[in-house]
Amino acid sequence: MDDATPATAAPASREAELKPVDEALAAALLEQGEAGARALGLLRDAHRMLGDERYERQAEIAEMCIRGAAEALLKLPGSRKDGREPVGLRSAARALLKAVDAYQPPDEEPAAGEGRRKKRGSRDPQAALRRIREAAEGLRPELERPGGHHRRRAMGVAERLMGGRLGAAQESALDAWGELYGGTSDVLHGGPSSQARARYRQVLRLARKVFVPLPGRAAEVLELTGLRSPTVEDAERLKAWADPRAMRYFFLSRPAAAWLDLLDEVWLLPDTTSPEGNWPATPYLDHLTEVAPEQART
């Protein structure tokens, strides 16, 4: 079993019943062609597996289905920029090793037993060292924020489907693709399977945010926008949005002042990743200066 739950608990009481892939998501995946159909089939198999206790390794099999579905979706058109795979931890590490291997220290006398020829140094040692530093700086953010390769693949697919550039808030929301892929990969390589049910729910949420057209997600957008007393859980749902159009609608609708204390800087401050300097929260913040000036100043 995949949940650490007392054996005396009834199966139905462990967690809420897992829902199958809904019609809107199924239709959206089928529109993506063979890869989308493969992902849909694997998600349905994962759901069946988690509901069938006849198998000894049902959680592990389900997680393999989830990983296969994620891989199929992250290989869709848009995931590769200019025909190349996005940068990730492995490629950044390879770039650093390549730069280190290419560097030769200044000419020096050979060590004992190495023959009479001098070791040839790099023609431009400073340039070689600069390339090492640049490669190290490219690796640093991948170590500090793992999953960049899969996040960037998801961003490319989402930007193709949504017809526009994603901002920092949406990029943050797509971090979960890297977490999902990494977690299921750990199981594939022999790690314990303790979160299969949670990952099944997670992959459905992530896929809905990217693949279901905005009208199919309108109910949640309208629900959260209309809340007068949002909770932390509501804010987590909001921050999982991967569609900049939904974010713009939210702020243009001038939601309740109570949201201000629940949203982090990536939502409220200007988007520093945007060359145009977009600031989606401006209408909301301007509204707060009129209806809640004290709160807006803090």
C-alpha atoms as a PDB file:
ATOM      1  CA  MET A   1       0.000   0.000   0.000  1.00  0.00           C
ATOM      2  CA  ASP A   2       1.229   3.494  -0.661  1.00  0.00           C
ATOM      3  CA  ASP A   3      -0.162   5.397   2.322  1.00  0.00           C
ATOM      4  CA  ALA A   4       1.285   5.239   5.810  1.00  0.00           C
ATOM      5  CA  THR A   5      -2.101   4.654   7.453  1.00  0.00           C
ATOM      6  CA  PRO A   6      -2.970   2.386  10.379  1.00  0.00           C
ATOM      7  CA  ALA A   7      -3.955  -1.045   9.132  1.00  0.00           C
ATOM      8  CA  THR A   8      -7.191  -0.876  11.092  1.00  0.00           C
ATOM      9  CA  ALA A   9      -8.468   2.082   9.089  1.00  0.00           C
ATOM     10  CA  ALA A  10     -11.046   1.316   6.433  1.00  0.00           C
ATOM     11  CA  PRO A  11      -9.770   1.934   2.893  1.00  0.00           C
ATOM     12  CA  ALA A  12     -12.443   4.546   2.237  1.00  0.00           C
ATOM     13  CA  SER A  13     -11.381   6.539   5.285  1.00  0.00           C
ATOM     14  CA  ARG A  14      -7.713   6.799   4.315  1.00  0.00           C
ATOM     15  CA  GLU A  15      -8.304   9.612   1.884  1.00  0.00           C
ATOM     16  CA  ALA A  16     -11.057  11.004  -0.227  1.00  0.00           C
ATOM     17  CA  GLU A  17     -11.837   8.791  -3.178  1.00  0.00           C
ATOM     18  CA  LEU A  18      -9.568   9.347  -6.157  1.00  0.00           C
ATOM     19  CA  LYS A  19     -11.349  10.895  -9.108  1.00  0.00           C
ATOM     20  CA  PRO A  20     -10.752   9.734 -12.683  1.00  0.00           C
ATOM     21  CA  VAL A  21      -9.555  12.067 -15.424  1.00  0.00           C
ATOM     22  CA  ASP A  22     -12.448  14.442 -16.102  1.00  0.00           C
ATOM     23  CA  GLU A  23     -13.924  14.987 -19.548  1.00  0.00           C
ATOM     24  CA  ALA A  24     -12.425  18.448 -20.048  1.00  0.00           C
ATOM     25  CA  LEU A  25      -8.879  17.269 -19.343  1.00  0.00           C
ATOM     26  CA  ALA A  26      -9.354  14.098 -21.413  1.00  0.00           C
ATOM     27  CA  ALA A  27     -10.498  16.134 -24.421  1.00  0.00           C
ATOM     28  CA  ALA A  28      -7.631  18.608 -24.002  1.00  0.00           C
ATOM     29  CA  LEU A  29      -5.057  15.797 -23.900  1.00  0.00           C
ATOM     30  CA  LEU A  30      -6.491  14.050 -26.944  1.00  0.00           C
ATOM     31  CA  GLU A  31      -6.103  17.312 -28.871  1.00  0.00           C
ATOM     32  CA  GLN A  32      -2.334  16.978 -28.374  1.00  0.00           C
ATOM     33  CA  GLY A  33      -2.134  13.939 -30.656  1.00  0.00           C
ATOM     34  CA  GLU A  34      -0.458  10.622 -29.965  1.00  0.00           C
ATOM     35  CA  ALA A  35       1.580  11.874 -26.995  1.00  0.00           C
ATOM     36  CA  GLY A  36      -1.530  13.321 -25.383  1.00  0.00           C
ATOM     37  CA  ALA A  37      -3.450  10.076 -25.946  1.00  0.00           C
ATOM     38  CA  ARG A  38      -0.568   8.132 -24.383  1.00  0.00           C
ATOM     39  CA  ALA A  39      -0.560  10.413 -21.344  1.00  0.00           C
ATOM     40  CA  LEU A  40      -4.327  10.057 -20.990  1.00  0.00           C
ATOM     41  CA  GLY A  41      -4.142   6.276 -21.150  1.00  0.00           C
ATOM     42  CA  LEU A  42      -1.380   6.161 -18.542  1.00  0.00           C
ATOM     43  CA  LEU A  43      -3.294   8.462 -16.196  1.00  0.00           C
ATOM     44  CA  ARG A  44      -6.369   6.277 -16.500  1.00  0.00           C
ATOM     45  CA  ASP A  45      -4.227   3.207 -15.817  1.00  0.00           C
ATOM     46  CA  ALA A  46      -2.765   4.901 -12.728  1.00  0.00           C
ATOM     47  CA  HIS A  47      -6.290   5.583 -11.464  1.00  0.00           C
ATOM     48  CA  ARG A  48      -7.336   1.973 -12.061  1.00  0.00           C
ATOM     49  CA  MET A  49      -4.210   0.657 -10.367  1.00  0.00           C
ATOM     50  CA  LEU A  50      -4.700   2.758  -7.241  1.00  0.00           C
ATOM     51  CA  GLY A  51      -8.219   1.415  -6.915  1.00  0.00           C
ATOM     52  CA  ASP A  52      -7.315  -2.247  -7.364  1.00  0.00           C
ATOM     53  CA  GLU A  53      -5.701  -3.950  -4.373  1.00  0.00           C
ATOM     54  CA  ARG A  54      -5.134  -7.276  -6.126  1.00  0.00           C
ATOM     55  CA  TYR A  55      -1.625  -6.186  -7.130  1.00  0.00           C
ATOM     56  CA  GLU A  56       1.319  -6.466  -4.771  1.00  0.00           C
ATOM     57  CA  ARG A  57       3.096  -3.323  -6.037  1.00  0.00           C
ATOM     58  CA  GLN A  58       0.125  -1.215  -7.037  1.00  0.00           C
ATOM     59  CA  ALA A  59       1.605   2.084  -5.802  1.00  0.00           C
ATOM     60  CA  GLU A  60       4.866   1.593  -7.684  1.00  0.00           C
ATOM     61  CA  ILE A  61       3.069   0.639 -10.893  1.00  0.00           C
ATOM     62  CA  ALA A  62       0.837   3.706 -10.545  1.00  0.00           C
ATOM     63  CA  GLU A  63       3.847   5.974 -10.094  1.00  0.00           C
ATOM     64  CA  MET A  64       5.453   4.546 -13.219  1.00  0.00           C
ATOM     65  CA  CYS A  65       2.263   5.361 -15.107  1.00  0.00           C
ATOM     66  CA  ILE A  66       2.312   8.905 -13.690  1.00  0.00           C
ATOM     67  CA  ARG A  67       5.941   9.380 -14.688  1.00  0.00           C
ATOM     68  CA  GLY A  68       5.254   8.082 -18.180  1.00  0.00           C
ATOM     69  CA  ALA A  69       2.329  10.474 -18.540  1.00  0.00           C
ATOM     70  CA  ALA A  70       4.441  13.423 -17.374  1.00  0.00           C
ATOM     71  CA  GLU A  71       7.244  12.486 -19.772  1.00  0.00           C
ATOM     72  CA  ALA A  72       4.823  12.282 -22.694  1.00  0.00           C
ATOM     73  CA  LEU A  73       3.387  15.717 -21.912  1.00  0.00           C
ATOM     74  CA  LEU A  74       6.784  17.329 -21.353  1.00  0.00           C
ATOM     75  CA  LYS A  75       7.956  16.177 -24.793  1.00  0.00           C
ATOM     76  CA  LEU A  76       5.135  17.929 -26.648  1.00  0.00           C
ATOM     77  CA  PRO A  77       5.930  20.671 -29.175  1.00  0.00           C
ATOM     78  CA  GLY A  78       7.245  23.765 -27.456  1.00  0.00           C
ATOM     79  CA  SER A  79       9.314  21.859 -24.911  1.00  0.00           C
ATOM     80  CA  ARG A  80      12.492  22.287 -26.984  1.00  0.00           C
ATOM     81  CA  LYS A  81      13.696  25.773 -27.871  1.00  0.00           C
ATOM     82  CA  ASP A  82      15.349  26.012 -31.278  1.00  0.00           C
ATOM     83  CA  GLY A  83      15.490  22.218 -31.379  1.00  0.00           C
ATOM     84  CA  ARG A  84      17.555  21.999 -28.191  1.00  0.00           C
ATOM     85  CA  GLU A  85      16.705  20.599 -24.785  1.00  0.00           C
ATOM     86  CA  PRO A  86      16.320  23.270 -22.061  1.00  0.00           C
ATOM     87  CA  VAL A  87      19.143  23.772 -19.594  1.00  0.00           C
ATOM     88  CA  GLY A  88      19.006  21.673 -16.451  1.00  0.00           C
ATOM     89  CA  LEU A  89      21.242  20.393 -13.680  1.00  0.00           C
ATOM     90  CA  ARG A  90      22.932  17.745 -15.823  1.00  0.00           C
ATOM     91  CA  SER A  91      23.600  19.984 -18.806  1.00  0.00           C
ATOM     92  CA  ALA A  92      24.896  22.783 -16.541  1.00  0.00           C
ATOM     93  CA  ALA A  93      27.239  20.335 -14.802  1.00  0.00           C
ATOM     94  CA  ARG A  94      28.468  19.016 -18.153  1.00  0.00           C
ATOM     95  CA  ALA A  95      29.150  22.577 -19.305  1.00  0.00           C
ATOM     96  CA  LEU A  96      31.259  23.245 -16.211  1.00  0.00           C
ATOM     97  CA  LEU A  97      33.253  20.027 -16.635  1.00  0.00           C
ATOM     98  CA  LYS A  98      33.840  20.843 -20.290  1.00  0.00           C
ATOM     99  CA  ALA A  99      35.177  24.275 -19.369  1.00  0.00           C
ATOM    100  CA  VAL A 100      37.431  22.780 -16.685  1.00  0.00           C
ATOM    101  CA  ASP A 101      38.760  20.102 -19.059  1.00  0.00           C
ATOM    102  CA  ALA A 102      39.528  22.740 -21.683  1.00  0.00           C
ATOM    103  CA  TYR A 103      41.591  24.800 -19.273  1.00  0.00           C
ATOM    104  CA  GLN A 104      45.352  24.225 -19.225  1.00  0.00           C
ATOM    105  CA  PRO A 105      47.486  26.031 -16.623  1.00  0.00           C
ATOM    106  CA  PRO A 106      50.353  28.219 -17.843  1.00  0.00           C
ATOM    107  CA  ASP A 107      53.368  26.478 -19.351  1.00  0.00           C
ATOM    108  CA  GLU A 108      55.251  24.547 -16.711  1.00  0.00           C
ATOM    109  CA  GLU A 109      58.107  22.101 -16.498  1.00  0.00           C
ATOM    110  CA  PRO A 110      57.014  18.444 -16.625  1.00  0.00           C
ATOM    111  CA  ALA A 111      56.861  16.455 -13.424  1.00  0.00           C
ATOM    112  CA  ALA A 112      59.325  13.627 -12.909  1.00  0.00           C
ATOM    113  CA  GLY A 113      58.692  10.777 -15.305  1.00  0.00           C
ATOM    114  CA  GLU A 114      56.543  12.810 -17.715  1.00  0.00           C
ATOM    115  CA  GLY A 115      59.237  13.325 -20.326  1.00  0.00           C
ATOM    116  CA  ARG A 116      61.102  16.436 -21.394  1.00  0.00           C
ATOM    117  CA  ARG A 117      58.354  18.395 -23.157  1.00  0.00           C
ATOM    118  CA  LYS A 118      56.777  21.294 -21.354  1.00  0.00           C
ATOM    119  CA  LYS A 119      53.069  21.179 -20.646  1.00  0.00           C
ATOM    120  CA  ARG A 120      51.329  23.580 -22.982  1.00  0.00           C
ATOM    121  CA  GLY A 121      49.069  26.086 -21.259  1.00  0.00           C
ATOM    122  CA  SER A 122      45.874  27.589 -22.647  1.00  0.00           C
ATOM    123  CA  ARG A 123      46.514  30.274 -25.257  1.00  0.00           C
ATOM    124  CA  ASP A 124      44.343  32.677 -23.276  1.00  0.00           C
ATOM    125  CA  PRO A 125      44.250  31.525 -19.624  1.00  0.00           C
ATOM    126  CA  GLN A 126      42.067  34.428 -18.529  1.00  0.00           C
ATOM    127  CA  ALA A 127      39.443  33.631 -21.147  1.00  0.00           C
ATOM    128  CA  ALA A 128      39.513  29.962 -20.126  1.00  0.00           C
ATOM    129  CA  LEU A 129      39.035  30.897 -16.469  1.00  0.00           C
ATOM    130  CA  ARG A 130      36.218  33.239 -17.432  1.00  0.00           C
ATOM    131  CA  ARG A 131      34.444  30.377 -19.197  1.00  0.00           C
ATOM    132  CA  ILE A 132      34.803  28.260 -16.052  1.00  0.00           C
ATOM    133  CA  ARG A 133      33.288  31.041 -13.937  1.00  0.00           C
ATOM    134  CA  GLU A 134      30.421  31.481 -16.382  1.00  0.00           C
ATOM    135  CA  ALA A 135      29.723  27.758 -16.386  1.00  0.00           C
ATOM    136  CA  ALA A 136      29.797  27.725 -12.582  1.00  0.00           C
ATOM    137  CA  GLU A 137      27.305  30.585 -12.480  1.00  0.00           C
ATOM    138  CA  GLY A 138      25.086  28.597 -14.823  1.00  0.00           C
ATOM    139  CA  LEU A 139      25.222  25.606 -12.501  1.00  0.00           C
ATOM    140  CA  ARG A 140      24.570  27.529  -9.294  1.00  0.00           C
ATOM    141  CA  PRO A 141      20.852  28.303  -9.861  1.00  0.00           C
ATOM    142  CA  GLU A 142      20.219  24.709 -10.935  1.00  0.00           C
ATOM    143  CA  LEU A 143      21.568  23.532  -7.570  1.00  0.00           C
ATOM    144  CA  GLU A 144      19.643  26.156  -5.636  1.00  0.00           C
ATOM    145  CA  ARG A 145      16.390  25.495  -7.492  1.00  0.00           C
ATOM    146  CA  PRO A 146      16.330  21.907  -8.791  1.00  0.00           C
ATOM    147  CA  GLY A 147      13.975  20.765 -11.525  1.00  0.00           C
ATOM    148  CA  GLY A 148      14.785  23.567 -13.949  1.00  0.00           C
ATOM    149  CA  HIS A 149      14.953  21.273 -16.963  1.00  0.00           C
ATOM    150  CA  HIS A 150      11.408  19.998 -16.506  1.00  0.00           C
ATOM    151  CA  ARG A 151      10.072  23.413 -15.487  1.00  0.00           C
ATOM    152  CA  ARG A 152      11.423  24.941 -18.684  1.00  0.00           C
ATOM    153  CA  ARG A 153       9.970  22.129 -20.778  1.00  0.00           C
ATOM    154  CA  ALA A 154       6.573  22.737 -19.177  1.00  0.00           C
ATOM    155  CA  MET A 155       6.924  26.482 -19.783  1.00  0.00           C
ATOM    156  CA  GLY A 156       7.629  25.955 -23.459  1.00  0.00           C
ATOM    157  CA  VAL A 157       4.564  23.757 -23.877  1.00  0.00           C
ATOM    158  CA  ALA A 158       2.372  26.183 -21.903  1.00  0.00           C
ATOM    159  CA  GLU A 159       3.545  29.206 -23.884  1.00  0.00           C
ATOM    160  CA  ARG A 160       2.708  27.441 -27.129  1.00  0.00           C
ATOM    161  CA  LEU A 161      -0.774  26.561 -25.920  1.00  0.00           C
ATOM    162  CA  MET A 162      -1.519  29.946 -24.356  1.00  0.00           C
ATOM    163  CA  GLY A 163      -0.034  31.986 -27.161  1.00  0.00           C
ATOM    164  CA  GLY A 164       2.124  34.217 -25.014  1.00  0.00           C
ATOM    165  CA  ARG A 165       5.045  34.502 -22.670  1.00  0.00           C
ATOM    166  CA  LEU A 166       4.747  33.262 -19.104  1.00  0.00           C
ATOM    167  CA  GLY A 167       5.913  35.442 -16.235  1.00  0.00           C
ATOM    168  CA  ALA A 168       7.780  34.761 -13.005  1.00  0.00           C
ATOM    169  CA  ALA A 169       4.606  33.790 -11.138  1.00  0.00           C
ATOM    170  CA  GLN A 170       3.711  31.153 -13.724  1.00  0.00           C
ATOM    171  CA  GLU A 171       7.290  29.880 -13.793  1.00  0.00           C
ATOM    172  CA  SER A 172       7.104  29.424 -10.041  1.00  0.00           C
ATOM    173  CA  ALA A 173       3.837  27.505 -10.412  1.00  0.00           C
ATOM    174  CA  LEU A 174       5.462  25.176 -12.936  1.00  0.00           C
ATOM    175  CA  ASP A 175       8.203  24.189 -10.471  1.00  0.00           C
ATOM    176  CA  ALA A 176       5.842  21.420  -9.435  1.00  0.00           C
ATOM    177  CA  TRP A 177       6.509  19.581 -12.724  1.00  0.00           C
ATOM    178  CA  GLY A 178      10.137  19.138 -11.678  1.00  0.00           C
ATOM    179  CA  GLU A 179       9.080  17.964  -8.217  1.00  0.00           C
ATOM    180  CA  LEU A 180       6.636  15.465  -9.708  1.00  0.00           C
ATOM    181  CA  TYR A 181       9.133  14.114 -12.229  1.00  0.00           C
ATOM    182  CA  GLY A 182      11.901  13.862  -9.658  1.00  0.00           C
ATOM    183  CA  GLY A 183       9.690  12.074  -7.146  1.00  0.00           C
ATOM    184  CA  THR A 184       8.428   9.476  -9.594  1.00  0.00           C
ATOM    185  CA  SER A 185      11.947   8.995 -10.969  1.00  0.00           C
ATOM    186  CA  ASP A 186      13.161   8.162  -7.457  1.00  0.00           C
ATOM    187  CA  VAL A 187      10.573   5.378  -7.328  1.00  0.00           C
ATOM    188  CA  LEU A 188      11.632   4.142 -10.759  1.00  0.00           C
ATOM    189  CA  HIS A 189      15.206   3.814  -9.510  1.00  0.00           C
ATOM    190  CA  GLY A 190      14.288   1.855  -6.398  1.00  0.00           C
ATOM    191  CA  GLY A 191      13.054   4.476  -3.962  1.00  0.00           C
ATOM    192  CA  PRO A 192      10.016   3.888  -1.740  1.00  0.00           C
ATOM    193  CA  SER A 193       6.563   4.603  -3.119  1.00  0.00           C
ATOM    194  CA  SER A 194       4.710   6.450  -0.375  1.00  0.00           C
ATOM    195  CA  GLN A 195       2.961   9.234  -2.271  1.00  0.00           C
ATOM    196  CA  ALA A 196       1.347   7.606  -5.291  1.00  0.00           C
ATOM    197  CA  ARG A 197      -2.144   8.853  -4.480  1.00  0.00           C
ATOM    198  CA  ALA A 198      -0.917  12.406  -3.816  1.00  0.00           C
ATOM    199  CA  ARG A 199       1.116  12.404  -7.029  1.00  0.00           C
ATOM    200  CA  TYR A 200      -1.852  11.188  -9.019  1.00  0.00           C
ATOM    201  CA  ARG A 201      -3.877  14.144  -7.758  1.00  0.00           C
ATOM    202  CA  GLN A 202      -0.929  16.452  -8.392  1.00  0.00           C
ATOM    203  CA  VAL A 203      -0.416  15.444 -12.018  1.00  0.00           C
ATOM    204  CA  LEU A 204      -4.118  15.969 -12.736  1.00  0.00           C
ATOM    205  CA  ARG A 205      -3.973  19.464 -11.228  1.00  0.00           C
ATOM    206  CA  LEU A 206      -0.824  20.353 -13.157  1.00  0.00           C
ATOM    207  CA  ALA A 207      -2.175  19.046 -16.440  1.00  0.00           C
ATOM    208  CA  ARG A 208      -5.434  20.959 -16.018  1.00  0.00           C
ATOM    209  CA  LYS A 209      -3.552  24.225 -15.435  1.00  0.00           C
ATOM    210  CA  VAL A 210      -1.604  23.826 -18.680  1.00  0.00           C
ATOM    211  CA  PHE A 211      -3.795  21.894 -21.094  1.00  0.00           C
ATOM    212  CA  VAL A 212      -7.439  22.681 -20.329  1.00  0.00           C
ATOM    213  CA  PRO A 213      -8.405  25.917 -22.167  1.00  0.00           C
ATOM    214  CA  LEU A 214      -9.162  28.905 -19.964  1.00  0.00           C
ATOM    215  CA  PRO A 215     -12.972  28.610 -20.305  1.00  0.00           C
ATOM    216  CA  GLY A 216     -12.703  25.128 -18.809  1.00  0.00           C
ATOM    217  CA  ARG A 217     -10.965  26.616 -15.772  1.00  0.00           C
ATOM    218  CA  ALA A 218     -13.187  29.670 -15.494  1.00  0.00           C
ATOM    219  CA  ALA A 219     -15.177  28.341 -12.535  1.00  0.00           C
ATOM    220  CA  GLU A 220     -12.117  28.282 -10.280  1.00  0.00           C
ATOM    221  CA  VAL A 221     -10.943  31.667 -11.529  1.00  0.00           C
ATOM    222  CA  LEU A 222     -14.320  33.244 -10.762  1.00  0.00           C
ATOM    223  CA  GLU A 223     -14.572  31.447  -7.423  1.00  0.00           C
ATOM    224  CA  LEU A 224     -11.233  32.677  -6.105  1.00  0.00           C
ATOM    225  CA  THR A 225     -11.637  36.159  -7.516  1.00  0.00           C
ATOM    226  CA  GLY A 226     -14.965  36.565  -5.714  1.00  0.00           C
ATOM    227  CA  LEU A 227     -13.790  35.457  -2.247  1.00  0.00           C
ATOM    228  CA  ARG A 228     -14.051  38.154   0.421  1.00  0.00           C
ATOM    229  CA  SER A 229     -12.216  36.215   3.136  1.00  0.00           C
ATOM    230  CA  PRO A 230      -9.682  33.967   1.375  1.00  0.00           C
ATOM    231  CA  THR A 231      -7.638  31.422   3.313  1.00  0.00           C
ATOM    232  CA  VAL A 232      -4.060  30.198   3.038  1.00  0.00           C
ATOM    233  CA  GLU A 233      -5.379  27.163   1.163  1.00  0.00           C
ATOM    234  CA  ASP A 234      -7.127  29.472  -1.318  1.00  0.00           C
ATOM    235  CA  ALA A 235      -3.855  31.325  -1.856  1.00  0.00           C
ATOM    236  CA  GLU A 236      -2.056  28.055  -2.595  1.00  0.00           C
ATOM    237  CA  ARG A 237      -4.659  27.245  -5.250  1.00  0.00           C
ATOM    238  CA  LEU A 238      -4.202  30.690  -6.754  1.00  0.00           C
ATOM    239  CA  LYS A 239      -0.410  30.481  -6.826  1.00  0.00           C
ATOM    240  CA  ALA A 240      -0.667  27.197  -8.733  1.00  0.00           C
ATOM    241  CA  TRP A 241      -2.146  29.001 -11.748  1.00  0.00           C
ATOM    242  CA  ALA A 242       0.114  28.653 -14.773  1.00  0.00           C
ATOM    243  CA  ASP A 243      -1.882  30.991 -17.042  1.00  0.00           C
ATOM    244  CA  PRO A 244      -0.948  34.700 -17.109  1.00  0.00           C
ATOM    245  CA  ARG A 245      -4.393  35.497 -18.544  1.00  0.00           C
ATOM    246  CA  ALA A 246      -6.058  34.180 -15.395  1.00  0.00           C
ATOM    247  CA  MET A 247      -3.648  36.238 -13.282  1.00  0.00           C
ATOM    248  CA  ARG A 248      -4.466  39.413 -15.216  1.00  0.00           C
ATOM    249  CA  TYR A 249      -8.202  38.784 -14.866  1.00  0.00           C
ATOM    250  CA  PHE A 250      -7.797  38.244 -11.129  1.00  0.00           C
ATOM    251  CA  PHE A 251      -6.101  41.604 -10.584  1.00  0.00           C
ATOM    252  CA  LEU A 252      -8.322  43.520 -13.016  1.00  0.00           C
ATOM    253  CA  SER A 253     -11.342  42.264 -11.053  1.00  0.00           C
ATOM    254  CA  ARG A 254     -10.002  44.098  -7.962  1.00  0.00           C
ATOM    255  CA  PRO A 255     -10.325  41.225  -5.496  1.00  0.00           C
ATOM    256  CA  ALA A 256     -10.698  41.666  -1.736  1.00  0.00           C
ATOM    257  CA  ALA A 257      -8.052  43.482   0.273  1.00  0.00           C
ATOM    258  CA  ALA A 258      -7.623  40.317   2.358  1.00  0.00           C
ATOM    259  CA  TRP A 259      -5.645  38.783  -0.515  1.00  0.00           C
ATOM    260  CA  LEU A 260      -2.782  41.231   0.039  1.00  0.00           C
ATOM    261  CA  ASP A 261      -1.446  39.385   3.089  1.00  0.00           C
ATOM    262  CA  LEU A 262      -1.692  36.012   1.363  1.00  0.00           C
ATOM    263  CA  LEU A 263       0.160  36.700  -1.887  1.00  0.00           C
ATOM    264  CA  ASP A 264       3.940  36.683  -2.109  1.00  0.00           C
ATOM    265  CA  GLU A 265       6.227  39.075  -3.935  1.00  0.00           C
ATOM    266  CA  VAL A 266       6.287  37.147  -7.217  1.00  0.00           C
ATOM    267  CA  TRP A 267       2.575  37.998  -7.540  1.00  0.00           C
ATOM    268  CA  LEU A 268       2.594  41.553  -6.171  1.00  0.00           C
ATOM    269  CA  LEU A 269       5.834  43.084  -7.449  1.00  0.00           C
ATOM    270  CA  PRO A 270       6.836  43.897 -11.041  1.00  0.00           C
ATOM    271  CA  ASP A 271       7.866  40.912 -13.142  1.00  0.00           C
ATOM    272  CA  THR A 272      11.637  41.295 -13.358  1.00  0.00           C
ATOM    273  CA  THR A 273      11.847  38.518 -15.958  1.00  0.00           C
ATOM    274  CA  SER A 274       9.770  40.521 -18.414  1.00  0.00           C
ATOM    275  CA  PRO A 275      11.637  42.758 -20.882  1.00  0.00           C
ATOM    276  CA  GLU A 276       8.583  45.035 -20.910  1.00  0.00           C
ATOM    277  CA  GLY A 277       8.589  45.361 -17.121  1.00  0.00           C
ATOM    278  CA  ASN A 278       5.056  44.001 -16.681  1.00  0.00           C
ATOM    279  CA  TRP A 279       3.330  44.622 -13.361  1.00  0.00           C
ATOM    280  CA  PRO A 280       0.083  42.625 -13.392  1.00  0.00           C
ATOM    281  CA  ALA A 281      -0.861  43.610  -9.837  1.00  0.00           C
ATOM    282  CA  THR A 282      -0.994  47.352 -10.609  1.00  0.00           C
ATOM    283  CA  PRO A 283      -4.824  47.603 -10.957  1.00  0.00           C
ATOM    284  CA  TYR A 284      -5.277  45.769  -7.662  1.00  0.00           C
ATOM    285  CA  LEU A 285      -2.714  47.841  -5.778  1.00  0.00           C
ATOM    286  CA  ASP A 286      -4.175  51.072  -7.170  1.00  0.00           C
ATOM    287  CA  HIS A 287      -7.598  49.896  -6.013  1.00  0.00           C
ATOM    288  CA  LEU A 288      -6.285  49.204  -2.504  1.00  0.00           C
ATOM    289  CA  THR A 289      -4.910  52.726  -2.169  1.00  0.00           C
ATOM    290  CA  GLU A 290      -8.510  53.915  -2.473  1.00  0.00           C
ATOM    291  CA  VAL A 291     -10.403  51.323  -0.403  1.00  0.00           C
ATOM    292  CA  ALA A 292      -7.739  50.235   2.112  1.00  0.00           C
ATOM    293  CA  PRO A 293      -4.922  52.837   2.086  1.00  0.00           C
ATOM    294  CA  GLU A 294      -3.404  51.748   5.410  1.00  0.00           C
ATOM    295  CA  GLN A 295      -3.156  48.137   4.281  1.00  0.00           C
ATOM    296  CA  ALA A 296      -1.752  49.142   0.897  1.00  0.00           C
ATOM    297  CA  ARG A 297       1.048  51.161   2.513  1.00  0.00           C
ATOM    298  CA  THR A 298       2.229  48.204   4.545  1.00  0.00           C
END
